[in-house]
Amino acid sequence: MADIKFDIVKSFGVISEGKDGWKKEVNLVSWNGRKPKLDIREWDENHEKMSKGITLTASEVAELKKILAGLDEDSFEE
């Protein structure tokens, strides 16, 4: 498996933290030297290991914001 290079350019916040110490974070990440994208995934406390996640371009973030703004939090359960 090829080495994956990443650079966390900016951290926006933590969505949740698991009992194992891993945190679901929202960050701006450059993967393999490419243009940074918004990234949502779980990281270990040292940012050495990560789970599968999702990366979003600026236009995808704009669409997601529209969708989330229209959600009624009472319409789904945790």
PDB file of N, CA and C in Angstrom:
ATOM      1  N   MET A   1       0.845  -1.186   0.000  1.00  0.00           N
ATOM      2  CA  MET A   1       0.000   0.000   0.000  1.00  0.00           C
ATOM      3  C   MET A   1       0.883   1.239   0.000  1.00  0.00           C
ATOM      4  N   ALA A   2       0.540   2.196  -0.839  1.00  0.00           N
ATOM      5  CA  ALA A   2       1.326   3.418  -0.962  1.00  0.00           C
ATOM      6  C   ALA A   2       1.165   4.291   0.277  1.00  0.00           C
ATOM      7  N   ASP A   3       2.228   5.037   0.572  1.00  0.00           N
ATOM      8  CA  ASP A   3       2.150   5.976   1.691  1.00  0.00           C
ATOM      9  C   ASP A   3       1.197   7.108   1.345  1.00  0.00           C
ATOM     10  N   ILE A   4       0.374   7.454   2.308  1.00  0.00           N
ATOM     11  CA  ILE A   4      -0.543   8.576   2.147  1.00  0.00           C
ATOM     12  C   ILE A   4       0.041   9.748   2.912  1.00  0.00           C
ATOM     13  N   LYS A   5       0.260  10.843   2.203  1.00  0.00           N
ATOM     14  CA  LYS A   5       0.795  12.042   2.841  1.00  0.00           C
ATOM     15  C   LYS A   5      -0.353  13.022   3.059  1.00  0.00           C
ATOM     16  N   PHE A   6      -0.363  13.625   4.238  1.00  0.00           N
ATOM     17  CA  PHE A   6      -1.417  14.595   4.531  1.00  0.00           C
ATOM     18  C   PHE A   6      -0.851  15.725   5.366  1.00  0.00           C
ATOM     19  N   ASP A   7      -1.487  16.873   5.231  1.00  0.00           N
ATOM     20  CA  ASP A   7      -1.121  18.043   6.019  1.00  0.00           C
ATOM     21  C   ASP A   7      -2.416  18.691   6.493  1.00  0.00           C
ATOM     22  N   ILE A   8      -2.621  18.706   7.810  1.00  0.00           N
ATOM     23  CA  ILE A   8      -3.793  19.376   8.363  1.00  0.00           C
ATOM     24  C   ILE A   8      -3.478  20.869   8.381  1.00  0.00           C
ATOM     25  N   VAL A   9      -4.062  21.584   7.428  1.00  0.00           N
ATOM     26  CA  VAL A   9      -3.789  23.004   7.241  1.00  0.00           C
ATOM     27  C   VAL A   9      -4.464  23.835   8.323  1.00  0.00           C
ATOM     28  N   LYS A  10      -5.714  23.457   8.656  1.00  0.00           N
ATOM     29  CA  LYS A  10      -6.469  24.194   9.668  1.00  0.00           C
ATOM     30  C   LYS A  10      -7.465  23.253  10.324  1.00  0.00           C
ATOM     31  N   SER A  11      -7.602  23.368  11.635  1.00  0.00           N
ATOM     32  CA  SER A  11      -8.599  22.593  12.375  1.00  0.00           C
ATOM     33  C   SER A  11      -9.779  23.498  12.703  1.00  0.00           C
ATOM     34  N   PHE A  12     -10.996  23.025  12.380  1.00  0.00           N
ATOM     35  CA  PHE A  12     -12.198  23.813  12.641  1.00  0.00           C
ATOM     36  C   PHE A  12     -12.907  23.389  13.914  1.00  0.00           C
ATOM     37  N   GLY A  13     -12.779  22.114  14.288  1.00  0.00           N
ATOM     38  CA  GLY A  13     -13.429  21.681  15.514  1.00  0.00           C
ATOM     39  C   GLY A  13     -13.621  20.182  15.592  1.00  0.00           C
ATOM     40  N   VAL A  14     -14.073  19.751  16.766  1.00  0.00           N
ATOM     41  CA  VAL A  14     -14.329  18.341  17.049  1.00  0.00           C
ATOM     42  C   VAL A  14     -15.836  18.143  17.134  1.00  0.00           C
ATOM     43  N   ILE A  15     -16.353  17.177  16.383  1.00  0.00           N
ATOM     44  CA  ILE A  15     -17.783  16.863  16.402  1.00  0.00           C
ATOM     45  C   ILE A  15     -18.104  15.962  17.584  1.00  0.00           C
ATOM     46  N   SER A  16     -17.253  14.964  17.813  1.00  0.00           N
ATOM     47  CA  SER A  16     -17.480  14.032  18.923  1.00  0.00           C
ATOM     48  C   SER A  16     -16.173  13.329  19.259  1.00  0.00           C
ATOM     49  N   GLU A  17     -16.172  12.686  20.439  1.00  0.00           N
ATOM     50  CA  GLU A  17     -15.005  11.915  20.870  1.00  0.00           C
ATOM     51  C   GLU A  17     -15.478  10.559  21.365  1.00  0.00           C
ATOM     52  N   GLY A  18     -14.815   9.508  20.885  1.00  0.00           N
ATOM     53  CA  GLY A  18     -15.159   8.152  21.293  1.00  0.00           C
ATOM     54  C   GLY A  18     -14.473   7.767  22.587  1.00  0.00           C
ATOM     55  N   LYS A  19     -14.921   6.670  23.161  1.00  0.00           N
ATOM     56  CA  LYS A  19     -14.336   6.172  24.410  1.00  0.00           C
ATOM     57  C   LYS A  19     -12.870   5.795  24.233  1.00  0.00           C
ATOM     58  N   ASP A  20     -12.493   5.462  23.004  1.00  0.00           N
ATOM     59  CA  ASP A  20     -11.115   5.070  22.720  1.00  0.00           C
ATOM     60  C   ASP A  20     -10.187   6.267  22.509  1.00  0.00           C
ATOM     61  N   GLY A  21     -10.724   7.485  22.629  1.00  0.00           N
ATOM     62  CA  GLY A  21      -9.914   8.690  22.479  1.00  0.00           C
ATOM     63  C   GLY A  21      -9.881   9.251  21.068  1.00  0.00           C
ATOM     64  N   TRP A  22     -10.415   8.504  20.107  1.00  0.00           N
ATOM     65  CA  TRP A  22     -10.462   9.011  18.742  1.00  0.00           C
ATOM     66  C   TRP A  22     -11.507  10.117  18.652  1.00  0.00           C
ATOM     67  N   LYS A  23     -11.197  11.144  17.847  1.00  0.00           N
ATOM     68  CA  LYS A  23     -12.093  12.294  17.717  1.00  0.00           C
ATOM     69  C   LYS A  23     -12.548  12.448  16.269  1.00  0.00           C
ATOM     70  N   LYS A  24     -13.842  12.690  16.104  1.00  0.00           N
ATOM     71  CA  LYS A  24     -14.386  13.007  14.783  1.00  0.00           C
ATOM     72  C   LYS A  24     -14.195  14.502  14.602  1.00  0.00           C
ATOM     73  N   GLU A  25     -13.352  14.861  13.641  1.00  0.00           N
ATOM     74  CA  GLU A  25     -12.934  16.247  13.472  1.00  0.00           C
ATOM     75  C   GLU A  25     -13.315  16.807  12.108  1.00  0.00           C
ATOM     76  N   VAL A  26     -13.420  18.127  12.084  1.00  0.00           N
ATOM     77  CA  VAL A  26     -13.604  18.863  10.835  1.00  0.00           C
ATOM     78  C   VAL A  26     -12.332  19.678  10.629  1.00  0.00           C
ATOM     79  N   ASN A  27     -11.614  19.371   9.550  1.00  0.00           N
ATOM     80  CA  ASN A  27     -10.332  20.009   9.274  1.00  0.00           C
ATOM     81  C   ASN A  27     -10.230  20.390   7.805  1.00  0.00           C
ATOM     82  N   LEU A  28      -9.291  21.269   7.509  1.00  0.00           N
ATOM     83  CA  LEU A  28      -8.897  21.549   6.137  1.00  0.00           C
ATOM     84  C   LEU A  28      -7.614  20.758   5.913  1.00  0.00           C
ATOM     85  N   VAL A  29      -7.650  19.787   4.990  1.00  0.00           N
ATOM     86  CA  VAL A  29      -6.531  18.859   4.827  1.00  0.00           C
ATOM     87  C   VAL A  29      -6.071  18.817   3.375  1.00  0.00           C
ATOM     88  N   SER A  30      -4.756  18.846   3.197  1.00  0.00           N
ATOM     89  CA  SER A  30      -4.148  18.621   1.890  1.00  0.00           C
ATOM     90  C   SER A  30      -3.692  17.167   1.856  1.00  0.00           C
ATOM     91  N   TRP A  31      -4.201  16.410   0.893  1.00  0.00           N
ATOM     92  CA  TRP A  31      -3.839  14.997   0.735  1.00  0.00           C
ATOM     93  C   TRP A  31      -2.872  14.860  -0.429  1.00  0.00           C
ATOM     94  N   ASN A  32      -1.713  14.255  -0.171  1.00  0.00           N
ATOM     95  CA  ASN A  32      -0.704  13.990  -1.204  1.00  0.00           C
ATOM     96  C   ASN A  32      -0.329  15.247  -1.989  1.00  0.00           C
ATOM     97  N   GLY A  33      -0.208  16.371  -1.279  1.00  0.00           N
ATOM     98  CA  GLY A  33       0.243  17.614  -1.887  1.00  0.00           C
ATOM     99  C   GLY A  33      -0.795  18.334  -2.723  1.00  0.00           C
ATOM    100  N   ARG A  34      -2.020  17.847  -2.714  1.00  0.00           N
ATOM    101  CA  ARG A  34      -3.075  18.476  -3.507  1.00  0.00           C
ATOM    102  C   ARG A  34      -3.687  19.660  -2.759  1.00  0.00           C
ATOM    103  N   LYS A  35      -4.563  20.382  -3.469  1.00  0.00           N
ATOM    104  CA  LYS A  35      -5.263  21.529  -2.892  1.00  0.00           C
ATOM    105  C   LYS A  35      -6.064  21.067  -1.673  1.00  0.00           C
ATOM    106  N   PRO A  36      -5.993  21.796  -0.560  1.00  0.00           N
ATOM    107  CA  PRO A  36      -6.726  21.392   0.651  1.00  0.00           C
ATOM    108  C   PRO A  36      -8.236  21.364   0.436  1.00  0.00           C
ATOM    109  N   LYS A  37      -8.881  20.403   1.105  1.00  0.00           N
ATOM    110  CA  LYS A  37     -10.339  20.267   1.076  1.00  0.00           C
ATOM    111  C   LYS A  37     -10.833  20.127   2.504  1.00  0.00           C
ATOM    112  N   LEU A  38     -12.108  20.445   2.701  1.00  0.00           N
ATOM    113  CA  LEU A  38     -12.724  20.207   4.000  1.00  0.00           C
ATOM    114  C   LEU A  38     -12.778  18.701   4.208  1.00  0.00           C
ATOM    115  N   ASP A  39     -12.414  18.254   5.382  1.00  0.00           N
ATOM    116  CA  ASP A  39     -12.285  16.826   5.658  1.00  0.00           C
ATOM    117  C   ASP A  39     -12.972  16.498   6.979  1.00  0.00           C
ATOM    118  N   ILE A  40     -13.814  15.470   6.970  1.00  0.00           N
ATOM    119  CA  ILE A  40     -14.491  15.009   8.183  1.00  0.00           C
ATOM    120  C   ILE A  40     -14.154  13.542   8.366  1.00  0.00           C
ATOM    121  N   ARG A  41     -13.485  13.212   9.470  1.00  0.00           N
ATOM    122  CA  ARG A  41     -13.121  11.828   9.769  1.00  0.00           C
ATOM    123  C   ARG A  41     -12.657  11.727  11.212  1.00  0.00           C
ATOM    124  N   GLU A  42     -12.482  10.502  11.691  1.00  0.00           N
ATOM    125  CA  GLU A  42     -11.966  10.271  13.042  1.00  0.00           C
ATOM    126  C   GLU A  42     -10.446  10.147  12.989  1.00  0.00           C
ATOM    127  N   TRP A  43      -9.814  10.729  14.004  1.00  0.00           N
ATOM    128  CA  TRP A  43      -8.362  10.706  14.136  1.00  0.00           C
ATOM    129  C   TRP A  43      -7.986  10.209  15.523  1.00  0.00           C
ATOM    130  N   ASP A  44      -6.832   9.539  15.610  1.00  0.00           N
ATOM    131  CA  ASP A  44      -6.319   9.210  16.934  1.00  0.00           C
ATOM    132  C   ASP A  44      -5.763  10.490  17.554  1.00  0.00           C
ATOM    133  N   GLU A  45      -5.403  10.422  18.818  1.00  0.00           N
ATOM    134  CA  GLU A  45      -5.007  11.654  19.523  1.00  0.00           C
ATOM    135  C   GLU A  45      -3.748  12.299  18.968  1.00  0.00           C
ATOM    136  N   ASN A  46      -2.897  11.547  18.271  1.00  0.00           N
ATOM    137  CA  ASN A  46      -1.654  12.097  17.730  1.00  0.00           C
ATOM    138  C   ASN A  46      -1.734  12.419  16.238  1.00  0.00           C
ATOM    139  N   HIS A  47      -2.906  12.249  15.654  1.00  0.00           N
ATOM    140  CA  HIS A  47      -3.102  12.450  14.216  1.00  0.00           C
ATOM    141  C   HIS A  47      -2.144  11.598  13.391  1.00  0.00           C
ATOM    142  N   GLU A  48      -1.885  10.382  13.871  1.00  0.00           N
ATOM    143  CA  GLU A  48      -1.055   9.436  13.125  1.00  0.00           C
ATOM    144  C   GLU A  48      -1.908   8.406  12.392  1.00  0.00           C
ATOM    145  N   LYS A  49      -3.076   8.088  12.954  1.00  0.00           N
ATOM    146  CA  LYS A  49      -3.993   7.120  12.348  1.00  0.00           C
ATOM    147  C   LYS A  49      -5.339   7.796  12.147  1.00  0.00           C
ATOM    148  N   MET A  50      -6.022   7.362  11.069  1.00  0.00           N
ATOM    149  CA  MET A  50      -7.313   7.959  10.766  1.00  0.00           C
ATOM    150  C   MET A  50      -8.266   6.899  10.248  1.00  0.00           C
ATOM    151  N   SER A  51      -9.562   7.202  10.358  1.00  0.00           N
ATOM    152  CA  SER A  51     -10.585   6.326   9.793  1.00  0.00           C
ATOM    153  C   SER A  51     -10.887   6.784   8.367  1.00  0.00           C
ATOM    154  N   LYS A  52     -11.739   6.020   7.697  1.00  0.00           N
ATOM    155  CA  LYS A  52     -12.243   6.505   6.417  1.00  0.00           C
ATOM    156  C   LYS A  52     -13.084   7.738   6.709  1.00  0.00           C
ATOM    157  N   GLY A  53     -13.084   8.661   5.782  1.00  0.00           N
ATOM    158  CA  GLY A  53     -13.837   9.882   6.000  1.00  0.00           C
ATOM    159  C   GLY A  53     -14.374  10.424   4.703  1.00  0.00           C
ATOM    160  N   ILE A  54     -14.693  11.689   4.731  1.00  0.00           N
ATOM    161  CA  ILE A  54     -15.230  12.361   3.550  1.00  0.00           C
ATOM    162  C   ILE A  54     -14.482  13.672   3.357  1.00  0.00           C
ATOM    163  N   THR A  55     -14.165  13.977   2.095  1.00  0.00           N
ATOM    164  CA  THR A  55     -13.564  15.265   1.763  1.00  0.00           C
ATOM    165  C   THR A  55     -14.532  16.009   0.855  1.00  0.00           C
ATOM    166  N   LEU A  56     -14.590  17.314   1.040  1.00  0.00           N
ATOM    167  CA  LEU A  56     -15.530  18.141   0.287  1.00  0.00           C
ATOM    168  C   LEU A  56     -14.825  19.357  -0.300  1.00  0.00           C
ATOM    169  N   THR A  57     -15.160  19.668  -1.546  1.00  0.00           N
ATOM    170  CA  THR A  57     -14.668  20.897  -2.169  1.00  0.00           C
ATOM    171  C   THR A  57     -15.469  22.073  -1.618  1.00  0.00           C
ATOM    172  N   ALA A  58     -15.044  23.277  -1.946  1.00  0.00           N
ATOM    173  CA  ALA A  58     -15.756  24.471  -1.475  1.00  0.00           C
ATOM    174  C   ALA A  58     -17.201  24.481  -1.970  1.00  0.00           C
ATOM    175  N   SER A  59     -17.429  24.090  -3.218  1.00  0.00           N
ATOM    176  CA  SER A  59     -18.805  24.085  -3.740  1.00  0.00           C
ATOM    177  C   SER A  59     -19.645  23.007  -3.064  1.00  0.00           C
ATOM    178  N   GLU A  60     -19.041  21.875  -2.725  1.00  0.00           N
ATOM    179  CA  GLU A  60     -19.766  20.826  -2.005  1.00  0.00           C
ATOM    180  C   GLU A  60     -20.105  21.271  -0.585  1.00  0.00           C
ATOM    181  N   VAL A  61     -19.202  22.012   0.044  1.00  0.00           N
ATOM    182  CA  VAL A  61     -19.470  22.550   1.383  1.00  0.00           C
ATOM    183  C   VAL A  61     -20.650  23.517   1.325  1.00  0.00           C
ATOM    184  N   ALA A  62     -20.693  24.354   0.295  1.00  0.00           N
ATOM    185  CA  ALA A  62     -21.796  25.308   0.144  1.00  0.00           C
ATOM    186  C   ALA A  62     -23.132  24.574   0.010  1.00  0.00           C
ATOM    187  N   GLU A  63     -23.170  23.502  -0.767  1.00  0.00           N
ATOM    188  CA  GLU A  63     -24.404  22.722  -0.928  1.00  0.00           C
ATOM    189  C   GLU A  63     -24.789  22.033   0.371  1.00  0.00           C
ATOM    190  N   LEU A  64     -23.804  21.489   1.080  1.00  0.00           N
ATOM    191  CA  LEU A  64     -24.073  20.830   2.359  1.00  0.00           C
ATOM    192  C   LEU A  64     -24.643  21.826   3.367  1.00  0.00           C
ATOM    193  N   LYS A  65     -24.104  23.045   3.388  1.00  0.00           N
ATOM    194  CA  LYS A  65     -24.625  24.077   4.294  1.00  0.00           C
ATOM    195  C   LYS A  65     -26.096  24.354   4.019  1.00  0.00           C
ATOM    196  N   LYS A  66     -26.474  24.405   2.744  1.00  0.00           N
ATOM    197  CA  LYS A  66     -27.877  24.634   2.382  1.00  0.00           C
ATOM    198  C   LYS A  66     -28.755  23.492   2.893  1.00  0.00           C
ATOM    199  N   ILE A  67     -28.292  22.277   2.699  1.00  0.00           N
ATOM    200  CA  ILE A  67     -29.059  21.105   3.138  1.00  0.00           C
ATOM    201  C   ILE A  67     -29.215  21.108   4.652  1.00  0.00           C
ATOM    202  N   LEU A  68     -28.114  21.345   5.371  1.00  0.00           N
ATOM    203  CA  LEU A  68     -28.156  21.329   6.835  1.00  0.00           C
ATOM    204  C   LEU A  68     -29.022  22.457   7.386  1.00  0.00           C
ATOM    205  N   ALA A  69     -29.001  23.607   6.727  1.00  0.00           N
ATOM    206  CA  ALA A  69     -29.812  24.737   7.187  1.00  0.00           C
ATOM    207  C   ALA A  69     -31.302  24.417   7.117  1.00  0.00           C
ATOM    208  N   GLY A  70     -31.686  23.544   6.200  1.00  0.00           N
ATOM    209  CA  GLY A  70     -33.085  23.193   6.043  1.00  0.00           C
ATOM    210  C   GLY A  70     -33.545  22.025   6.894  1.00  0.00           C
ATOM    211  N   LEU A  71     -32.630  21.420   7.647  1.00  0.00           N
ATOM    212  CA  LEU A  71     -32.992  20.270   8.475  1.00  0.00           C
ATOM    213  C   LEU A  71     -33.695  20.690   9.751  1.00  0.00           C
ATOM    214  N   ASP A  72     -34.655  19.905  10.146  1.00  0.00           N
ATOM    215  CA  ASP A  72     -35.320  20.066  11.433  1.00  0.00           C
ATOM    216  C   ASP A  72     -34.716  19.021  12.364  1.00  0.00           C
ATOM    217  N   GLU A  73     -33.988  19.468  13.375  1.00  0.00           N
ATOM    218  CA  GLU A  73     -33.287  18.537  14.271  1.00  0.00           C
ATOM    219  C   GLU A  73     -34.220  17.548  14.951  1.00  0.00           C
ATOM    220  N   ASP A  74     -35.481  17.917  15.100  1.00  0.00           N
ATOM    221  CA  ASP A  74     -36.438  17.026  15.750  1.00  0.00           C
ATOM    222  C   ASP A  74     -36.923  15.917  14.821  1.00  0.00           C
ATOM    223  N   SER A  75     -36.551  15.984  13.536  1.00  0.00           N
ATOM    224  CA  SER A  75     -37.054  15.001  12.578  1.00  0.00           C
ATOM    225  C   SER A  75     -36.233  13.711  12.552  1.00  0.00           C
ATOM    226  N   PHE A  76     -35.155  13.663  13.304  1.00  0.00           N
ATOM    227  CA  PHE A  76     -34.366  12.432  13.370  1.00  0.00           C
ATOM    228  C   PHE A  76     -33.863  12.239  14.787  1.00  0.00           C
ATOM    229  N   GLU A  77     -33.599  10.987  15.111  1.00  0.00           N
ATOM    230  CA  GLU A  77     -33.142  10.661  16.461  1.00  0.00           C
ATOM    231  C   GLU A  77     -31.653  10.397  16.452  1.00  0.00           C
ATOM    232  N   GLU A  78     -31.033  10.616  17.576  1.00  0.00           N
ATOM    233  CA  GLU A  78     -29.601  10.379  17.724  1.00  0.00           C
ATOM    234  C   GLU A  78     -29.316   8.928  17.951  1.00  0.00           C
TER     235      GLU A  78
END
